[in-house]
Amino acid sequence: MKIVTDSFKSGIIVRLSGDIDLETSPELRTELISHITKKVNPIFVDFEAVSYVDSSGIATLVEALKLIKGYNGSLKLIAIPKSVIEIFNFLKLEKVFEIYTDASSCG
């Protein structure tokens, strides 16, 4: 997995590529927590180049969402590929996360 973070709108965007799995999810957790501890808001996570997410990746995102809600922040997920969005839908997480089809459609 590769992570690139940039300023975006009034917050940041975390662009991911590759697989988010047991091996790589700690790196994603570290990246997200570093911004959450600074109370960055909002945090956008771009999944456009992500090919796979396992349960550890989902757990990392749920943890980040819980932490960011602690200061009334928002975590917005962008451009989740069809193969990955099926996991979110199966787990009913599309009702928990703010999910957008592309960066231009998110507020």
N, C-alpha and C. Protein backbone atom coordinates (compact mmCIF):
# COMPACT_ATOMS: atom_id res chain seq x y z
N MET A 1 0.84 -1.17 0.00
CA MET A 1 0.00 0.00 0.00
C MET A 1 0.89 1.24 0.00
N LYS A 2 0.41 2.24 -0.70
CA LYS A 2 1.09 3.53 -0.74
C LYS A 2 0.11 4.58 -0.22
N ILE A 3 0.63 5.54 0.55
CA ILE A 3 -0.19 6.61 1.11
C ILE A 3 0.41 7.95 0.71
N VAL A 4 -0.43 8.82 0.15
CA VAL A 4 -0.02 10.19 -0.18
C VAL A 4 -1.06 11.12 0.45
N THR A 5 -0.59 12.08 1.24
CA THR A 5 -1.50 13.01 1.92
C THR A 5 -1.26 14.42 1.42
N ASP A 6 -2.37 15.11 1.12
CA ASP A 6 -2.31 16.49 0.64
C ASP A 6 -3.41 17.31 1.31
N SER A 7 -3.25 18.63 1.27
CA SER A 7 -4.34 19.51 1.69
C SER A 7 -5.48 19.34 0.70
N PHE A 8 -6.70 19.42 1.21
CA PHE A 8 -7.87 19.26 0.35
C PHE A 8 -9.05 19.96 0.99
N LYS A 9 -9.65 20.86 0.24
CA LYS A 9 -10.74 21.69 0.75
C LYS A 9 -10.28 22.29 2.07
N SER A 10 -11.03 22.15 3.14
CA SER A 10 -10.61 22.74 4.41
C SER A 10 -9.84 21.75 5.30
N GLY A 11 -9.64 20.51 4.81
CA GLY A 11 -8.95 19.50 5.60
C GLY A 11 -7.80 18.88 4.82
N ILE A 12 -7.75 17.54 4.86
CA ILE A 12 -6.73 16.81 4.11
C ILE A 12 -7.37 15.66 3.35
N ILE A 13 -6.65 15.20 2.34
CA ILE A 13 -7.05 14.00 1.63
C ILE A 13 -5.91 12.99 1.74
N VAL A 14 -6.28 11.77 2.08
CA VAL A 14 -5.33 10.68 2.19
C VAL A 14 -5.61 9.76 1.01
N ARG A 15 -4.69 9.76 0.05
CA ARG A 15 -4.86 8.93 -1.15
C ARG A 15 -4.15 7.59 -0.95
N LEU A 16 -4.91 6.53 -1.12
CA LEU A 16 -4.38 5.18 -0.90
C LEU A 16 -4.27 4.44 -2.22
N SER A 17 -3.30 3.53 -2.30
CA SER A 17 -3.21 2.65 -3.47
C SER A 17 -2.69 1.29 -3.01
N GLY A 18 -3.13 0.25 -3.69
CA GLY A 18 -2.73 -1.10 -3.35
C GLY A 18 -3.73 -1.77 -2.43
N ASP A 19 -3.24 -2.71 -1.63
CA ASP A 19 -4.07 -3.49 -0.72
C ASP A 19 -4.00 -2.92 0.69
N ILE A 20 -5.15 -2.92 1.36
CA ILE A 20 -5.21 -2.56 2.77
C ILE A 20 -5.55 -3.86 3.51
N ASP A 21 -4.54 -4.42 4.15
CA ASP A 21 -4.71 -5.73 4.78
C ASP A 21 -3.97 -5.76 6.12
N LEU A 22 -3.87 -6.94 6.69
CA LEU A 22 -3.23 -7.10 7.99
C LEU A 22 -1.82 -6.53 8.02
N GLU A 23 -1.12 -6.64 6.92
CA GLU A 23 0.26 -6.16 6.84
C GLU A 23 0.33 -4.63 6.73
N THR A 24 -0.59 -4.04 5.99
CA THR A 24 -0.50 -2.61 5.70
C THR A 24 -1.42 -1.72 6.53
N SER A 25 -2.45 -2.29 7.15
CA SER A 25 -3.39 -1.46 7.90
C SER A 25 -2.75 -0.71 9.07
N PRO A 26 -1.70 -1.25 9.75
CA PRO A 26 -1.05 -0.44 10.79
C PRO A 26 -0.47 0.87 10.26
N GLU A 27 0.04 0.85 9.04
CA GLU A 27 0.57 2.07 8.42
C GLU A 27 -0.56 3.08 8.20
N LEU A 28 -1.71 2.59 7.72
CA LEU A 28 -2.86 3.47 7.52
C LEU A 28 -3.33 4.02 8.87
N ARG A 29 -3.37 3.17 9.88
CA ARG A 29 -3.79 3.60 11.21
C ARG A 29 -2.88 4.72 11.71
N THR A 30 -1.58 4.54 11.60
CA THR A 30 -0.62 5.55 12.04
C THR A 30 -0.86 6.87 11.32
N GLU A 31 -1.07 6.81 10.01
CA GLU A 31 -1.32 8.02 9.22
C GLU A 31 -2.59 8.73 9.69
N LEU A 32 -3.69 8.00 9.82
CA LEU A 32 -4.95 8.62 10.23
C LEU A 32 -4.88 9.17 11.64
N ILE A 33 -4.32 8.40 12.56
CA ILE A 33 -4.23 8.84 13.95
C ILE A 33 -3.38 10.12 14.07
N SER A 34 -2.33 10.23 13.25
CA SER A 34 -1.48 11.43 13.31
C SER A 34 -2.29 12.69 12.98
N HIS A 35 -3.25 12.58 12.08
CA HIS A 35 -4.09 13.73 11.72
C HIS A 35 -5.21 13.93 12.73
N ILE A 36 -5.73 12.82 13.25
CA ILE A 36 -6.82 12.91 14.22
C ILE A 36 -6.32 13.56 15.52
N THR A 37 -5.11 13.23 15.94
CA THR A 37 -4.59 13.84 17.17
C THR A 37 -4.40 15.36 17.01
N LYS A 38 -4.24 15.81 15.76
CA LYS A 38 -4.15 17.25 15.48
C LYS A 38 -5.52 17.87 15.24
N LYS A 39 -6.56 17.04 15.33
CA LYS A 39 -7.96 17.46 15.13
C LYS A 39 -8.21 18.04 13.74
N VAL A 40 -7.56 17.44 12.75
CA VAL A 40 -7.80 17.84 11.37
C VAL A 40 -9.25 17.50 11.02
N ASN A 41 -9.91 18.41 10.34
CA ASN A 41 -11.30 18.18 9.96
C ASN A 41 -11.65 18.97 8.71
N PRO A 42 -12.22 18.30 7.73
CA PRO A 42 -12.48 16.87 7.61
C PRO A 42 -11.26 16.11 7.09
N ILE A 43 -11.35 14.80 7.21
CA ILE A 43 -10.35 13.92 6.60
C ILE A 43 -11.05 13.15 5.50
N PHE A 44 -10.53 13.29 4.29
CA PHE A 44 -11.04 12.55 3.13
C PHE A 44 -10.08 11.39 2.87
N VAL A 45 -10.62 10.23 2.59
CA VAL A 45 -9.79 9.07 2.26
C VAL A 45 -10.19 8.61 0.86
N ASP A 46 -9.25 8.70 -0.07
CA ASP A 46 -9.49 8.37 -1.48
C ASP A 46 -9.07 6.92 -1.74
N PHE A 47 -10.03 6.10 -2.14
CA PHE A 47 -9.82 4.67 -2.38
C PHE A 47 -9.67 4.33 -3.87
N GLU A 48 -9.60 5.32 -4.73
CA GLU A 48 -9.64 5.06 -6.17
C GLU A 48 -8.64 3.99 -6.62
N ALA A 49 -7.45 3.98 -6.04
CA ALA A 49 -6.41 3.03 -6.47
C ALA A 49 -6.25 1.84 -5.51
N VAL A 50 -7.26 1.62 -4.67
CA VAL A 50 -7.21 0.49 -3.73
C VAL A 50 -7.81 -0.74 -4.41
N SER A 51 -7.11 -1.85 -4.32
CA SER A 51 -7.58 -3.07 -4.97
C SER A 51 -8.24 -4.06 -4.02
N TYR A 52 -7.95 -3.91 -2.70
CA TYR A 52 -8.44 -4.90 -1.75
C TYR A 52 -8.42 -4.31 -0.35
N VAL A 53 -9.46 -4.62 0.43
CA VAL A 53 -9.50 -4.23 1.85
C VAL A 53 -9.98 -5.44 2.63
N ASP A 54 -9.24 -5.83 3.68
CA ASP A 54 -9.68 -6.94 4.52
C ASP A 54 -10.25 -6.39 5.83
N SER A 55 -10.58 -7.29 6.75
CA SER A 55 -11.23 -6.89 8.00
C SER A 55 -10.35 -5.97 8.85
N SER A 56 -9.04 -6.13 8.78
CA SER A 56 -8.17 -5.24 9.56
C SER A 56 -8.21 -3.82 9.00
N GLY A 57 -8.33 -3.69 7.69
CA GLY A 57 -8.48 -2.37 7.07
C GLY A 57 -9.79 -1.72 7.46
N ILE A 58 -10.87 -2.51 7.46
CA ILE A 58 -12.18 -2.00 7.88
C ILE A 58 -12.11 -1.56 9.34
N ALA A 59 -11.50 -2.40 10.20
CA ALA A 59 -11.38 -2.06 11.62
C ALA A 59 -10.61 -0.76 11.82
N THR A 60 -9.59 -0.53 11.03
CA THR A 60 -8.81 0.70 11.11
C THR A 60 -9.68 1.91 10.79
N LEU A 61 -10.50 1.79 9.77
CA LEU A 61 -11.38 2.89 9.38
C LEU A 61 -12.46 3.14 10.44
N VAL A 62 -13.01 2.08 11.01
CA VAL A 62 -14.03 2.22 12.06
C VAL A 62 -13.42 2.91 13.28
N GLU A 63 -12.21 2.51 13.65
CA GLU A 63 -11.53 3.15 14.77
C GLU A 63 -11.30 4.63 14.50
N ALA A 64 -10.84 4.95 13.30
CA ALA A 64 -10.59 6.35 12.94
C ALA A 64 -11.89 7.16 12.99
N LEU A 65 -12.97 6.57 12.50
CA LEU A 65 -14.26 7.26 12.52
C LEU A 65 -14.69 7.54 13.96
N LYS A 66 -14.54 6.56 14.82
CA LYS A 66 -14.91 6.73 16.23
C LYS A 66 -14.09 7.85 16.87
N LEU A 67 -12.79 7.87 16.61
CA LEU A 67 -11.92 8.90 17.19
C LEU A 67 -12.22 10.29 16.66
N ILE A 68 -12.47 10.39 15.36
CA ILE A 68 -12.71 11.72 14.77
C ILE A 68 -14.07 12.27 15.20
N LYS A 69 -15.02 11.38 15.46
CA LYS A 69 -16.33 11.82 15.96
C LYS A 69 -16.20 12.40 17.36
N GLY A 70 -15.13 12.01 18.07
CA GLY A 70 -14.88 12.52 19.42
C GLY A 70 -14.70 14.03 19.47
N TYR A 71 -14.32 14.63 18.36
CA TYR A 71 -14.21 16.09 18.31
C TYR A 71 -15.11 16.67 17.23
N ASN A 72 -16.17 15.92 16.92
CA ASN A 72 -17.18 16.33 15.93
C ASN A 72 -16.60 16.53 14.54
N GLY A 73 -15.53 15.79 14.26
CA GLY A 73 -14.95 15.83 12.92
C GLY A 73 -15.66 14.86 11.99
N SER A 74 -15.23 14.83 10.74
CA SER A 74 -15.83 13.90 9.79
C SER A 74 -14.76 13.20 8.97
N LEU A 75 -15.04 11.94 8.69
CA LEU A 75 -14.19 11.10 7.86
C LEU A 75 -15.01 10.75 6.64
N LYS A 76 -14.55 11.17 5.46
CA LYS A 76 -15.30 10.99 4.23
C LYS A 76 -14.52 10.08 3.29
N LEU A 77 -15.17 9.03 2.84
CA LEU A 77 -14.54 8.05 1.96
C LEU A 77 -14.93 8.35 0.52
N ILE A 78 -13.94 8.32 -0.37
CA ILE A 78 -14.14 8.74 -1.76
C ILE A 78 -13.72 7.64 -2.73
N ALA A 79 -14.48 7.49 -3.80
CA ALA A 79 -14.11 6.67 -4.96
C ALA A 79 -13.76 5.24 -4.60
N ILE A 80 -14.62 4.61 -3.82
CA ILE A 80 -14.37 3.22 -3.44
C ILE A 80 -14.72 2.32 -4.62
N PRO A 81 -13.77 1.50 -5.08
CA PRO A 81 -14.04 0.62 -6.23
C PRO A 81 -15.16 -0.38 -5.93
N LYS A 82 -15.81 -0.83 -6.97
CA LYS A 82 -16.96 -1.73 -6.83
C LYS A 82 -16.63 -2.96 -5.99
N SER A 83 -15.48 -3.57 -6.22
CA SER A 83 -15.13 -4.78 -5.48
C SER A 83 -14.96 -4.51 -3.98
N VAL A 84 -14.56 -3.29 -3.64
CA VAL A 84 -14.35 -2.92 -2.24
C VAL A 84 -15.65 -2.43 -1.61
N ILE A 85 -16.45 -1.69 -2.35
CA ILE A 85 -17.72 -1.17 -1.80
C ILE A 85 -18.66 -2.31 -1.43
N GLU A 86 -18.52 -3.44 -2.10
CA GLU A 86 -19.36 -4.59 -1.77
C GLU A 86 -19.14 -5.03 -0.32
N ILE A 87 -17.91 -4.92 0.16
CA ILE A 87 -17.60 -5.26 1.56
C ILE A 87 -18.32 -4.29 2.49
N PHE A 88 -18.24 -3.00 2.19
CA PHE A 88 -18.91 -2.00 3.01
C PHE A 88 -20.42 -2.25 3.03
N ASN A 89 -20.99 -2.56 1.87
CA ASN A 89 -22.42 -2.81 1.78
C ASN A 89 -22.82 -4.06 2.55
N PHE A 90 -22.03 -5.12 2.43
CA PHE A 90 -22.32 -6.37 3.13
C PHE A 90 -22.34 -6.14 4.65
N LEU A 91 -21.42 -5.32 5.12
CA LEU A 91 -21.32 -5.04 6.56
C LEU A 91 -22.23 -3.88 6.99
N LYS A 92 -23.01 -3.35 6.05
CA LYS A 92 -23.92 -2.22 6.30
C LYS A 92 -23.17 -0.94 6.72
N LEU A 93 -21.93 -0.85 6.32
CA LEU A 93 -21.12 0.32 6.70
C LEU A 93 -21.41 1.54 5.83
N GLU A 94 -22.13 1.36 4.74
CA GLU A 94 -22.51 2.52 3.94
C GLU A 94 -23.46 3.42 4.72
N LYS A 95 -24.05 2.87 5.80
CA LYS A 95 -24.93 3.66 6.66
C LYS A 95 -24.15 4.37 7.77
N VAL A 96 -22.90 3.97 7.97
CA VAL A 96 -22.07 4.51 9.04
C VAL A 96 -21.11 5.58 8.52
N PHE A 97 -20.52 5.32 7.35
CA PHE A 97 -19.54 6.22 6.76
C PHE A 97 -20.20 7.15 5.74
N GLU A 98 -19.61 8.33 5.58
CA GLU A 98 -19.98 9.22 4.47
C GLU A 98 -19.18 8.74 3.27
N ILE A 99 -19.87 8.25 2.24
CA ILE A 99 -19.21 7.69 1.07
C ILE A 99 -19.62 8.49 -0.17
N TYR A 100 -18.61 8.90 -0.96
CA TYR A 100 -18.85 9.69 -2.16
C TYR A 100 -18.22 9.02 -3.37
N THR A 101 -18.84 9.20 -4.53
CA THR A 101 -18.35 8.57 -5.75
C THR A 101 -17.04 9.17 -6.24
N ASP A 102 -16.84 10.47 -5.99
CA ASP A 102 -15.60 11.13 -6.41
C ASP A 102 -15.38 12.38 -5.56
N ALA A 103 -14.19 12.93 -5.65
CA ALA A 103 -13.81 14.06 -4.81
C ALA A 103 -14.66 15.30 -5.05
N SER A 104 -15.13 15.49 -6.27
CA SER A 104 -15.91 16.68 -6.57
C SER A 104 -17.32 16.62 -5.98
N SER A 105 -17.80 15.42 -5.63
CA SER A 105 -19.16 15.29 -5.11
C SER A 105 -19.25 15.37 -3.59
N CYS A 106 -18.11 15.44 -2.91
CA CYS A 106 -18.16 15.47 -1.44
C CYS A 106 -18.09 16.90 -0.93
N GLY A 107 -18.80 17.13 0.15
CA GLY A 107 -18.86 18.47 0.71
C GLY A 107 -17.83 18.72 1.77
